[in-house]
């Protein structure tokens, strides 16, 4: 019994470590630009067109952490923001890909692309600019 409690406790600790993974902001390895966190916020809010932002298609924990950290926006605030831009003709939401693998593949394929993925999904085909907690 004591052994199974220890194993369960270890599993919970390891699982919580996985849940605490950061969000890596990634670019193509050939990219010369190294935008700051505020520049990245402007790219993903459509205010800066220096790089092509590649967004996560669905609202998921990675997307939630990213937008909370760089733009201080939750899902409803982000939807409202983009609705306002689309309605006034001032902008369109960024291109999006399904999940970390899709974003990483798109960023790896386009020299001027920038995206974000769970830090555990980073491959050697992309370059990490910085990691958000």
C-alpha atoms as a PDB file:
ATOM      1  CA  UNK A   1       0.000   0.000   0.000  1.00  0.00           C
ATOM      2  CA  UNK A   2       2.746   2.435   0.965  1.00  0.00           C
ATOM      3  CA  UNK A   3       4.617   1.606  -2.256  1.00  0.00           C
ATOM      4  CA  UNK A   4       1.548   2.297  -4.432  1.00  0.00           C
ATOM      5  CA  UNK A   5       1.028   5.664  -2.707  1.00  0.00           C
ATOM      6  CA  UNK A   6       4.665   6.562  -3.401  1.00  0.00           C
ATOM      7  CA  UNK A   7       4.310   5.577  -7.051  1.00  0.00           C
ATOM      8  CA  UNK A   8       1.064   7.552  -7.331  1.00  0.00           C
ATOM      9  CA  UNK A   9       2.724  10.580  -5.728  1.00  0.00           C
ATOM     10  CA  UNK A  10       5.666  10.360  -8.111  1.00  0.00           C
ATOM     11  CA  UNK A  11       3.273  10.078 -11.051  1.00  0.00           C
ATOM     12  CA  UNK A  12       1.395  13.175  -9.919  1.00  0.00           C
ATOM     13  CA  UNK A  13       4.631  15.125  -9.551  1.00  0.00           C
ATOM     14  CA  UNK A  14       5.793  14.074 -12.995  1.00  0.00           C
ATOM     15  CA  UNK A  15       2.393  14.831 -14.493  1.00  0.00           C
ATOM     16  CA  UNK A  16       2.330  18.272 -12.944  1.00  0.00           C
ATOM     17  CA  UNK A  17       5.794  18.890 -14.388  1.00  0.00           C
ATOM     18  CA  UNK A  18       4.457  18.113 -17.821  1.00  0.00           C
ATOM     19  CA  UNK A  19       1.539  20.456 -17.282  1.00  0.00           C
ATOM     20  CA  UNK A  20       4.023  23.199 -16.383  1.00  0.00           C
ATOM     21  CA  UNK A  21       5.835  23.027 -19.743  1.00  0.00           C
ATOM     22  CA  UNK A  22       6.593  26.389 -21.284  1.00  0.00           C
ATOM     23  CA  UNK A  23       5.612  27.834 -24.615  1.00  0.00           C
ATOM     24  CA  UNK A  24       8.440  28.259 -27.106  1.00  0.00           C
ATOM     25  CA  UNK A  25       8.268  31.116 -29.610  1.00  0.00           C
ATOM     26  CA  UNK A  26       9.862  29.743 -32.778  1.00  0.00           C
ATOM     27  CA  UNK A  27      11.136  31.036 -36.107  1.00  0.00           C
ATOM     28  CA  UNK A  28      12.685  29.479 -39.179  1.00  0.00           C
ATOM     29  CA  UNK A  29      16.424  28.843 -38.619  1.00  0.00           C
ATOM     30  CA  UNK A  30      17.195  31.108 -41.615  1.00  0.00           C
ATOM     31  CA  UNK A  31      15.329  34.065 -40.075  1.00  0.00           C
ATOM     32  CA  UNK A  32      17.519  37.058 -39.366  1.00  0.00           C
ATOM     33  CA  UNK A  33      14.961  38.917 -37.249  1.00  0.00           C
ATOM     34  CA  UNK A  34      14.933  38.380 -33.488  1.00  0.00           C
ATOM     35  CA  UNK A  35      11.808  40.156 -32.279  1.00  0.00           C
ATOM     36  CA  UNK A  36      11.326  40.954 -28.599  1.00  0.00           C
ATOM     37  CA  UNK A  37       8.324  39.743 -26.623  1.00  0.00           C
ATOM     38  CA  UNK A  38       6.480  43.021 -27.284  1.00  0.00           C
ATOM     39  CA  UNK A  39       7.298  42.735 -31.010  1.00  0.00           C
ATOM     40  CA  UNK A  40       5.891  39.194 -30.982  1.00  0.00           C
ATOM     41  CA  UNK A  41       2.686  40.499 -29.367  1.00  0.00           C
ATOM     42  CA  UNK A  42       2.357  43.073 -32.154  1.00  0.00           C
ATOM     43  CA  UNK A  43       2.931  40.413 -34.823  1.00  0.00           C
ATOM     44  CA  UNK A  44       0.249  38.140 -33.375  1.00  0.00           C
ATOM     45  CA  UNK A  45      -2.175  41.045 -32.977  1.00  0.00           C
ATOM     46  CA  UNK A  46      -1.704  42.003 -36.631  1.00  0.00           C
ATOM     47  CA  UNK A  47       0.030  45.319 -35.851  1.00  0.00           C
ATOM     48  CA  UNK A  48       3.467  44.298 -37.160  1.00  0.00           C
ATOM     49  CA  UNK A  49       3.859  42.586 -40.539  1.00  0.00           C
ATOM     50  CA  UNK A  50       7.631  42.039 -40.377  1.00  0.00           C
ATOM     51  CA  UNK A  51       7.091  38.280 -39.922  1.00  0.00           C
ATOM     52  CA  UNK A  52       4.168  36.015 -40.805  1.00  0.00           C
ATOM     53  CA  UNK A  53       2.546  34.841 -37.595  1.00  0.00           C
ATOM     54  CA  UNK A  54       1.356  31.235 -37.581  1.00  0.00           C
ATOM     55  CA  UNK A  55      -1.326  30.766 -34.943  1.00  0.00           C
ATOM     56  CA  UNK A  56      -2.668  27.607 -33.301  1.00  0.00           C
ATOM     57  CA  UNK A  57      -6.030  26.776 -34.920  1.00  0.00           C
ATOM     58  CA  UNK A  58      -7.980  25.771 -31.812  1.00  0.00           C
ATOM     59  CA  UNK A  59      -7.975  27.280 -28.343  1.00  0.00           C
ATOM     60  CA  UNK A  60      -5.766  24.941 -26.319  1.00  0.00           C
ATOM     61  CA  UNK A  61      -3.473  25.244 -23.263  1.00  0.00           C
ATOM     62  CA  UNK A  62      -0.508  26.312 -25.420  1.00  0.00           C
ATOM     63  CA  UNK A  63      -2.499  29.064 -27.129  1.00  0.00           C
ATOM     64  CA  UNK A  64      -3.970  30.160 -23.808  1.00  0.00           C
ATOM     65  CA  UNK A  65      -0.517  30.461 -22.177  1.00  0.00           C
ATOM     66  CA  UNK A  66       0.913  32.266 -25.193  1.00  0.00           C
ATOM     67  CA  UNK A  67      -1.755  34.953 -25.466  1.00  0.00           C
ATOM     68  CA  UNK A  68      -1.932  35.445 -21.708  1.00  0.00           C
ATOM     69  CA  UNK A  69       1.843  36.001 -21.576  1.00  0.00           C
ATOM     70  CA  UNK A  70       2.459  38.136 -24.665  1.00  0.00           C
ATOM     71  CA  UNK A  71      -0.807  40.021 -25.166  1.00  0.00           C
ATOM     72  CA  UNK A  72      -2.592  39.715 -21.804  1.00  0.00           C
ATOM     73  CA  UNK A  73      -5.676  38.359 -23.595  1.00  0.00           C
ATOM     74  CA  UNK A  74      -7.924  35.385 -22.947  1.00  0.00           C
ATOM     75  CA  UNK A  75     -10.033  33.585 -25.552  1.00  0.00           C
ATOM     76  CA  UNK A  76     -13.047  35.914 -25.456  1.00  0.00           C
ATOM     77  CA  UNK A  77     -10.866  39.048 -25.480  1.00  0.00           C
ATOM     78  CA  UNK A  78      -8.911  37.758 -28.476  1.00  0.00           C
ATOM     79  CA  UNK A  79     -12.085  36.876 -30.388  1.00  0.00           C
ATOM     80  CA  UNK A  80     -13.506  40.316 -29.628  1.00  0.00           C
ATOM     81  CA  UNK A  81     -10.272  41.994 -30.721  1.00  0.00           C
ATOM     82  CA  UNK A  82     -10.237  40.217 -34.086  1.00  0.00           C
ATOM     83  CA  UNK A  83     -13.989  40.700 -34.608  1.00  0.00           C
ATOM     84  CA  UNK A  84     -13.480  44.437 -34.249  1.00  0.00           C
ATOM     85  CA  UNK A  85     -10.637  44.499 -36.768  1.00  0.00           C
ATOM     86  CA  UNK A  86     -12.512  42.356 -39.278  1.00  0.00           C
ATOM     87  CA  UNK A  87     -15.725  44.402 -38.888  1.00  0.00           C
ATOM     88  CA  UNK A  88     -13.916  47.690 -39.507  1.00  0.00           C
ATOM     89  CA  UNK A  89     -11.856  46.242 -42.363  1.00  0.00           C
ATOM     90  CA  UNK A  90      -8.598  46.915 -40.525  1.00  0.00           C
ATOM     91  CA  UNK A  91      -7.327  43.348 -40.325  1.00  0.00           C
ATOM     92  CA  UNK A  92      -7.789  39.622 -40.673  1.00  0.00           C
ATOM     93  CA  UNK A  93      -6.821  36.884 -38.204  1.00  0.00           C
ATOM     94  CA  UNK A  94      -3.501  35.190 -38.816  1.00  0.00           C
ATOM     95  CA  UNK A  95      -3.072  31.956 -40.700  1.00  0.00           C
ATOM     96  CA  UNK A  96      -3.463  29.008 -38.369  1.00  0.00           C
ATOM     97  CA  UNK A  97      -2.348  25.401 -38.198  1.00  0.00           C
ATOM     98  CA  UNK A  98      -3.705  22.470 -36.219  1.00  0.00           C
ATOM     99  CA  UNK A  99      -1.562  21.807 -33.174  1.00  0.00           C
ATOM    100  CA  UNK A 100       2.109  22.095 -32.364  1.00  0.00           C
ATOM    101  CA  UNK A 101       3.270  19.824 -35.188  1.00  0.00           C
ATOM    102  CA  UNK A 102       1.400  21.865 -37.806  1.00  0.00           C
ATOM    103  CA  UNK A 103       2.769  25.174 -36.528  1.00  0.00           C
ATOM    104  CA  UNK A 104       6.332  23.828 -36.329  1.00  0.00           C
ATOM    105  CA  UNK A 105       6.124  22.419 -39.870  1.00  0.00           C
ATOM    106  CA  UNK A 106       4.786  25.712 -41.292  1.00  0.00           C
ATOM    107  CA  UNK A 107       7.479  27.752 -39.510  1.00  0.00           C
ATOM    108  CA  UNK A 108      10.185  25.327 -40.697  1.00  0.00           C
ATOM    109  CA  UNK A 109       8.928  25.643 -44.287  1.00  0.00           C
ATOM    110  CA  UNK A 110       8.710  29.453 -44.489  1.00  0.00           C
ATOM    111  CA  UNK A 111      11.727  31.692 -43.906  1.00  0.00           C
ATOM    112  CA  UNK A 112       9.648  34.637 -42.653  1.00  0.00           C
ATOM    113  CA  UNK A 113       7.303  32.692 -40.362  1.00  0.00           C
ATOM    114  CA  UNK A 114       6.999  32.871 -36.586  1.00  0.00           C
ATOM    115  CA  UNK A 115       4.893  30.680 -34.336  1.00  0.00           C
ATOM    116  CA  UNK A 116       4.591  29.202 -30.893  1.00  0.00           C
ATOM    117  CA  UNK A 117       4.455  25.616 -29.661  1.00  0.00           C
ATOM    118  CA  UNK A 118       4.650  23.709 -26.414  1.00  0.00           C
ATOM    119  CA  UNK A 119       8.355  23.638 -25.566  1.00  0.00           C
ATOM    120  CA  UNK A 120       8.273  19.828 -25.632  1.00  0.00           C
ATOM    121  CA  UNK A 121       7.325  19.982 -29.335  1.00  0.00           C
ATOM    122  CA  UNK A 122      10.405  21.939 -30.478  1.00  0.00           C
ATOM    123  CA  UNK A 123      12.465  20.194 -33.154  1.00  0.00           C
ATOM    124  CA  UNK A 124      15.822  20.949 -34.743  1.00  0.00           C
ATOM    125  CA  UNK A 125      13.984  22.275 -37.822  1.00  0.00           C
ATOM    126  CA  UNK A 126      13.085  25.535 -36.012  1.00  0.00           C
ATOM    127  CA  UNK A 127      14.924  28.086 -33.868  1.00  0.00           C
ATOM    128  CA  UNK A 128      13.621  29.091 -30.429  1.00  0.00           C
ATOM    129  CA  UNK A 129      13.596  32.848 -29.832  1.00  0.00           C
ATOM    130  CA  UNK A 130      12.501  32.571 -26.213  1.00  0.00           C
ATOM    131  CA  UNK A 131      10.384  30.423 -23.938  1.00  0.00           C
ATOM    132  CA  UNK A 132       7.448  31.712 -21.935  1.00  0.00           C
ATOM    133  CA  UNK A 133       6.733  30.106 -18.542  1.00  0.00           C
END
